[in-house]
Amino acid sequence: MSARPTPFGIHVADQVLAALGGPDSVPLPTRAIEERTGYGARYGQLVYRILNQLAAAGAVEKINSRRKPVYWRLTPLPPLPVITLTQPGRKRRRS
């Protein structure tokens, strides 16, 4: 069972997601995410823990390599289904 997230933890998670969703949107190592968010050496462990929680939730993808550093990226969104709209009460004409 996991503990309820603190307001600061939620804030850090928002900052991490914003750093990963930047204009270039390429996989980033953990250290680059810490630098982009401003949480360097002091909160590095917290950032890593938040990244792992986001990965468990499916929001980010952890890219493991055989050597360090570990890279992270946002999980791509699945394509939306095509929806056709019809007006209620009107019958479709057959052609």
N, C-alpha and C. Protein backbone atom coordinates (compact mmCIF):
# COMPACT_ATOMS: atom_id res chain seq x y z
N MET A 1 0.85 -1.16 0.00
CA MET A 1 0.00 0.00 0.00
C MET A 1 0.90 1.23 0.00
N SER A 2 0.58 2.19 -0.83
CA SER A 2 1.42 3.38 -0.90
C SER A 2 0.78 4.52 -0.11
N ALA A 3 1.62 5.43 0.30
CA ALA A 3 1.15 6.57 1.08
C ALA A 3 0.49 7.59 0.17
N ARG A 4 -0.35 8.41 0.75
CA ARG A 4 -1.01 9.48 -0.01
C ARG A 4 0.04 10.50 -0.43
N PRO A 5 0.00 10.97 -1.69
CA PRO A 5 1.01 11.94 -2.13
C PRO A 5 0.86 13.29 -1.40
N THR A 6 1.99 13.86 -1.09
CA THR A 6 2.00 15.17 -0.43
C THR A 6 1.82 16.26 -1.48
N PRO A 7 1.39 17.46 -1.06
CA PRO A 7 1.29 18.55 -2.03
C PRO A 7 2.62 18.85 -2.72
N PHE A 8 3.72 18.74 -1.99
CA PHE A 8 5.02 18.98 -2.61
C PHE A 8 5.35 17.89 -3.62
N GLY A 9 5.00 16.63 -3.31
CA GLY A 9 5.21 15.54 -4.25
C GLY A 9 4.40 15.72 -5.53
N ILE A 10 3.18 16.19 -5.38
CA ILE A 10 2.34 16.47 -6.55
C ILE A 10 2.95 17.59 -7.38
N HIS A 11 3.45 18.61 -6.70
CA HIS A 11 4.11 19.72 -7.40
C HIS A 11 5.34 19.23 -8.17
N VAL A 12 6.14 18.39 -7.55
CA VAL A 12 7.33 17.84 -8.22
C VAL A 12 6.91 16.99 -9.42
N ALA A 13 5.86 16.19 -9.27
CA ALA A 13 5.38 15.37 -10.39
C ALA A 13 4.93 16.25 -11.56
N ASP A 14 4.25 17.35 -11.27
CA ASP A 14 3.85 18.28 -12.33
C ASP A 14 5.07 18.88 -13.02
N GLN A 15 6.08 19.23 -12.24
CA GLN A 15 7.30 19.80 -12.81
C GLN A 15 8.03 18.77 -13.67
N VAL A 16 8.06 17.53 -13.23
CA VAL A 16 8.72 16.46 -13.99
C VAL A 16 7.99 16.23 -15.31
N LEU A 17 6.66 16.17 -15.28
CA LEU A 17 5.90 15.98 -16.51
C LEU A 17 6.08 17.16 -17.46
N ALA A 18 6.16 18.36 -16.93
CA ALA A 18 6.40 19.53 -17.78
C ALA A 18 7.79 19.47 -18.40
N ALA A 19 8.78 19.00 -17.65
CA ALA A 19 10.13 18.91 -18.19
C ALA A 19 10.22 17.86 -19.29
N LEU A 20 9.49 16.77 -19.14
CA LEU A 20 9.50 15.72 -20.16
C LEU A 20 8.67 16.10 -21.38
N GLY A 21 7.69 16.94 -21.20
CA GLY A 21 6.81 17.32 -22.30
C GLY A 21 7.23 18.60 -22.98
N GLY A 22 8.51 18.89 -22.95
CA GLY A 22 9.02 20.11 -23.57
C GLY A 22 8.87 20.08 -25.08
N PRO A 23 9.34 21.13 -25.72
CA PRO A 23 9.17 21.24 -27.18
C PRO A 23 9.90 20.15 -27.96
N ASP A 24 11.02 19.67 -27.46
CA ASP A 24 11.76 18.65 -28.21
C ASP A 24 11.23 17.25 -27.93
N SER A 25 10.69 17.01 -26.74
CA SER A 25 10.06 15.75 -26.35
C SER A 25 10.89 14.52 -26.72
N VAL A 26 12.17 14.55 -26.38
CA VAL A 26 13.05 13.41 -26.60
C VAL A 26 13.31 12.76 -25.24
N PRO A 27 13.72 11.50 -25.21
CA PRO A 27 14.06 10.87 -23.92
C PRO A 27 15.18 11.63 -23.22
N LEU A 28 15.01 11.82 -21.92
CA LEU A 28 15.99 12.57 -21.13
C LEU A 28 16.54 11.69 -20.02
N PRO A 29 17.83 11.85 -19.69
CA PRO A 29 18.37 11.14 -18.52
C PRO A 29 17.86 11.79 -17.23
N THR A 30 17.94 11.06 -16.16
CA THR A 30 17.45 11.55 -14.88
C THR A 30 18.10 12.87 -14.49
N ARG A 31 19.39 13.00 -14.71
CA ARG A 31 20.11 14.22 -14.34
C ARG A 31 19.58 15.44 -15.11
N ALA A 32 19.26 15.27 -16.39
CA ALA A 32 18.72 16.38 -17.18
C ALA A 32 17.34 16.80 -16.68
N ILE A 33 16.55 15.83 -16.23
CA ILE A 33 15.23 16.16 -15.68
C ILE A 33 15.39 16.94 -14.38
N GLU A 34 16.36 16.53 -13.54
CA GLU A 34 16.63 17.26 -12.30
C GLU A 34 17.04 18.69 -12.61
N GLU A 35 17.86 18.89 -13.63
CA GLU A 35 18.31 20.24 -13.99
C GLU A 35 17.18 21.08 -14.56
N ARG A 36 16.33 20.47 -15.41
CA ARG A 36 15.21 21.23 -15.99
C ARG A 36 14.19 21.64 -14.95
N THR A 37 14.00 20.81 -13.94
CA THR A 37 13.02 21.15 -12.91
C THR A 37 13.61 22.04 -11.83
N GLY A 38 14.93 22.07 -11.72
CA GLY A 38 15.57 22.86 -10.67
C GLY A 38 15.78 22.08 -9.39
N TYR A 39 15.41 20.79 -9.38
CA TYR A 39 15.63 19.95 -8.21
C TYR A 39 16.89 19.13 -8.43
N GLY A 40 18.03 19.70 -8.16
CA GLY A 40 19.31 19.05 -8.41
C GLY A 40 19.66 18.04 -7.34
N ALA A 41 20.83 18.18 -6.80
CA ALA A 41 21.37 17.20 -5.85
C ALA A 41 20.51 17.10 -4.58
N ARG A 42 19.91 18.20 -4.17
CA ARG A 42 19.17 18.19 -2.91
C ARG A 42 17.92 17.30 -2.97
N TYR A 43 17.19 17.34 -4.10
CA TYR A 43 15.96 16.56 -4.23
C TYR A 43 16.07 15.49 -5.30
N GLY A 44 17.27 15.07 -5.64
CA GLY A 44 17.47 14.08 -6.69
C GLY A 44 16.77 12.77 -6.41
N GLN A 45 16.82 12.31 -5.17
CA GLN A 45 16.17 11.04 -4.81
C GLN A 45 14.66 11.16 -4.94
N LEU A 46 14.11 12.32 -4.57
CA LEU A 46 12.67 12.54 -4.70
C LEU A 46 12.26 12.52 -6.17
N VAL A 47 13.03 13.16 -7.03
CA VAL A 47 12.72 13.17 -8.46
C VAL A 47 12.75 11.75 -9.01
N TYR A 48 13.74 10.96 -8.63
CA TYR A 48 13.84 9.58 -9.11
C TYR A 48 12.65 8.75 -8.62
N ARG A 49 12.25 8.96 -7.37
CA ARG A 49 11.10 8.23 -6.82
C ARG A 49 9.82 8.62 -7.55
N ILE A 50 9.65 9.92 -7.81
CA ILE A 50 8.46 10.40 -8.54
C ILE A 50 8.44 9.82 -9.95
N LEU A 51 9.62 9.79 -10.61
CA LEU A 51 9.68 9.21 -11.95
C LEU A 51 9.27 7.74 -11.94
N ASN A 52 9.70 6.99 -10.95
CA ASN A 52 9.30 5.58 -10.85
C ASN A 52 7.81 5.43 -10.57
N GLN A 53 7.25 6.32 -9.76
CA GLN A 53 5.80 6.27 -9.51
C GLN A 53 5.02 6.61 -10.77
N LEU A 54 5.49 7.60 -11.53
CA LEU A 54 4.84 7.95 -12.78
C LEU A 54 4.95 6.81 -13.79
N ALA A 55 6.07 6.11 -13.78
CA ALA A 55 6.24 4.95 -14.67
C ALA A 55 5.29 3.83 -14.28
N ALA A 56 5.11 3.60 -12.99
CA ALA A 56 4.19 2.56 -12.53
C ALA A 56 2.75 2.91 -12.90
N ALA A 57 2.44 4.20 -12.93
CA ALA A 57 1.10 4.64 -13.30
C ALA A 57 0.89 4.67 -14.81
N GLY A 58 1.98 4.53 -15.57
CA GLY A 58 1.87 4.53 -17.02
C GLY A 58 1.97 5.89 -17.67
N ALA A 59 2.32 6.93 -16.90
CA ALA A 59 2.42 8.27 -17.46
C ALA A 59 3.75 8.50 -18.17
N VAL A 60 4.80 7.86 -17.71
CA VAL A 60 6.11 7.97 -18.35
C VAL A 60 6.67 6.58 -18.61
N GLU A 61 7.63 6.52 -19.51
CA GLU A 61 8.26 5.25 -19.84
C GLU A 61 9.71 5.29 -19.42
N LYS A 62 10.14 4.26 -18.71
CA LYS A 62 11.52 4.15 -18.26
C LYS A 62 12.29 3.35 -19.30
N ILE A 63 13.33 3.95 -19.85
CA ILE A 63 14.13 3.30 -20.87
C ILE A 63 15.42 2.85 -20.22
N ASN A 64 15.51 1.56 -19.96
CA ASN A 64 16.71 1.01 -19.31
C ASN A 64 17.75 0.68 -20.35
N SER A 65 18.95 1.03 -20.05
CA SER A 65 20.07 0.59 -20.87
C SER A 65 20.98 -0.23 -19.96
N ARG A 66 21.92 -0.89 -20.53
CA ARG A 66 22.81 -1.72 -19.71
C ARG A 66 23.75 -0.88 -18.87
N ARG A 67 23.87 0.36 -19.21
CA ARG A 67 24.71 1.25 -18.41
C ARG A 67 23.90 2.47 -18.02
N LYS A 68 24.40 3.20 -17.09
CA LYS A 68 23.71 4.40 -16.64
C LYS A 68 24.03 5.53 -17.58
N PRO A 69 23.26 6.55 -17.71
CA PRO A 69 22.07 6.90 -16.94
C PRO A 69 20.80 6.25 -17.50
N VAL A 70 19.75 6.28 -16.69
CA VAL A 70 18.44 5.79 -17.10
C VAL A 70 17.74 6.94 -17.82
N TYR A 71 17.11 6.64 -18.96
CA TYR A 71 16.39 7.66 -19.72
C TYR A 71 14.89 7.51 -19.50
N TRP A 72 14.18 8.63 -19.63
CA TRP A 72 12.74 8.68 -19.41
C TRP A 72 12.09 9.44 -20.56
N ARG A 73 10.84 9.08 -20.89
CA ARG A 73 10.06 9.84 -21.86
C ARG A 73 8.58 9.67 -21.52
N LEU A 74 7.79 10.60 -22.03
CA LEU A 74 6.35 10.50 -21.83
C LEU A 74 5.82 9.31 -22.61
N THR A 75 4.85 8.64 -22.04
CA THR A 75 4.22 7.52 -22.74
C THR A 75 3.36 8.08 -23.85
N PRO A 76 3.53 7.60 -25.10
CA PRO A 76 2.71 8.12 -26.18
C PRO A 76 1.24 7.80 -25.96
N LEU A 77 0.39 8.73 -26.34
CA LEU A 77 -1.04 8.53 -26.20
C LEU A 77 -1.55 7.63 -27.32
N PRO A 78 -2.50 6.75 -27.02
CA PRO A 78 -3.05 5.91 -28.09
C PRO A 78 -3.90 6.78 -29.03
N PRO A 79 -4.01 6.39 -30.29
CA PRO A 79 -4.82 7.19 -31.21
C PRO A 79 -6.29 7.14 -30.81
N LEU A 80 -6.98 8.23 -31.06
CA LEU A 80 -8.40 8.30 -30.73
C LEU A 80 -9.22 7.58 -31.79
N PRO A 81 -10.32 6.95 -31.40
CA PRO A 81 -11.16 6.29 -32.40
C PRO A 81 -11.90 7.31 -33.24
N VAL A 82 -12.23 6.92 -34.46
CA VAL A 82 -12.98 7.80 -35.36
C VAL A 82 -14.44 7.74 -34.96
N ILE A 83 -15.03 8.91 -34.80
CA ILE A 83 -16.43 8.99 -34.38
C ILE A 83 -17.21 9.70 -35.48
N THR A 84 -18.31 9.10 -35.91
CA THR A 84 -19.18 9.76 -36.89
C THR A 84 -20.38 10.30 -36.15
N LEU A 85 -20.75 11.50 -36.47
CA LEU A 85 -21.85 12.17 -35.79
C LEU A 85 -23.07 12.20 -36.69
N THR A 86 -24.23 11.93 -36.13
CA THR A 86 -25.49 12.07 -36.84
C THR A 86 -26.40 12.93 -35.99
N GLN A 87 -27.33 13.58 -36.65
CA GLN A 87 -28.26 14.41 -35.91
C GLN A 87 -29.38 13.53 -35.36
N PRO A 88 -29.76 13.74 -34.10
CA PRO A 88 -30.82 12.92 -33.52
C PRO A 88 -32.15 13.17 -34.23
N GLY A 89 -32.90 12.10 -34.45
CA GLY A 89 -34.22 12.24 -35.04
C GLY A 89 -34.23 12.23 -36.55
N ARG A 90 -33.10 12.29 -37.20
CA ARG A 90 -33.03 12.27 -38.66
C ARG A 90 -32.59 10.90 -39.10
N LYS A 91 -33.27 10.41 -40.09
CA LYS A 91 -32.90 9.11 -40.64
C LYS A 91 -31.87 9.32 -41.74
N ARG A 92 -30.98 8.39 -41.83
CA ARG A 92 -29.96 8.46 -42.88
C ARG A 92 -30.57 7.97 -44.18
N ARG A 93 -30.25 8.66 -45.24
CA ARG A 93 -30.70 8.23 -46.55
C ARG A 93 -29.78 7.17 -47.09
N ARG A 94 -30.37 6.21 -47.71
CA ARG A 94 -29.56 5.19 -48.36
C ARG A 94 -29.32 5.62 -49.79
N SER A 95 -28.10 5.46 -50.22
CA SER A 95 -27.80 5.85 -51.59
C SER A 95 -27.69 4.67 -52.49
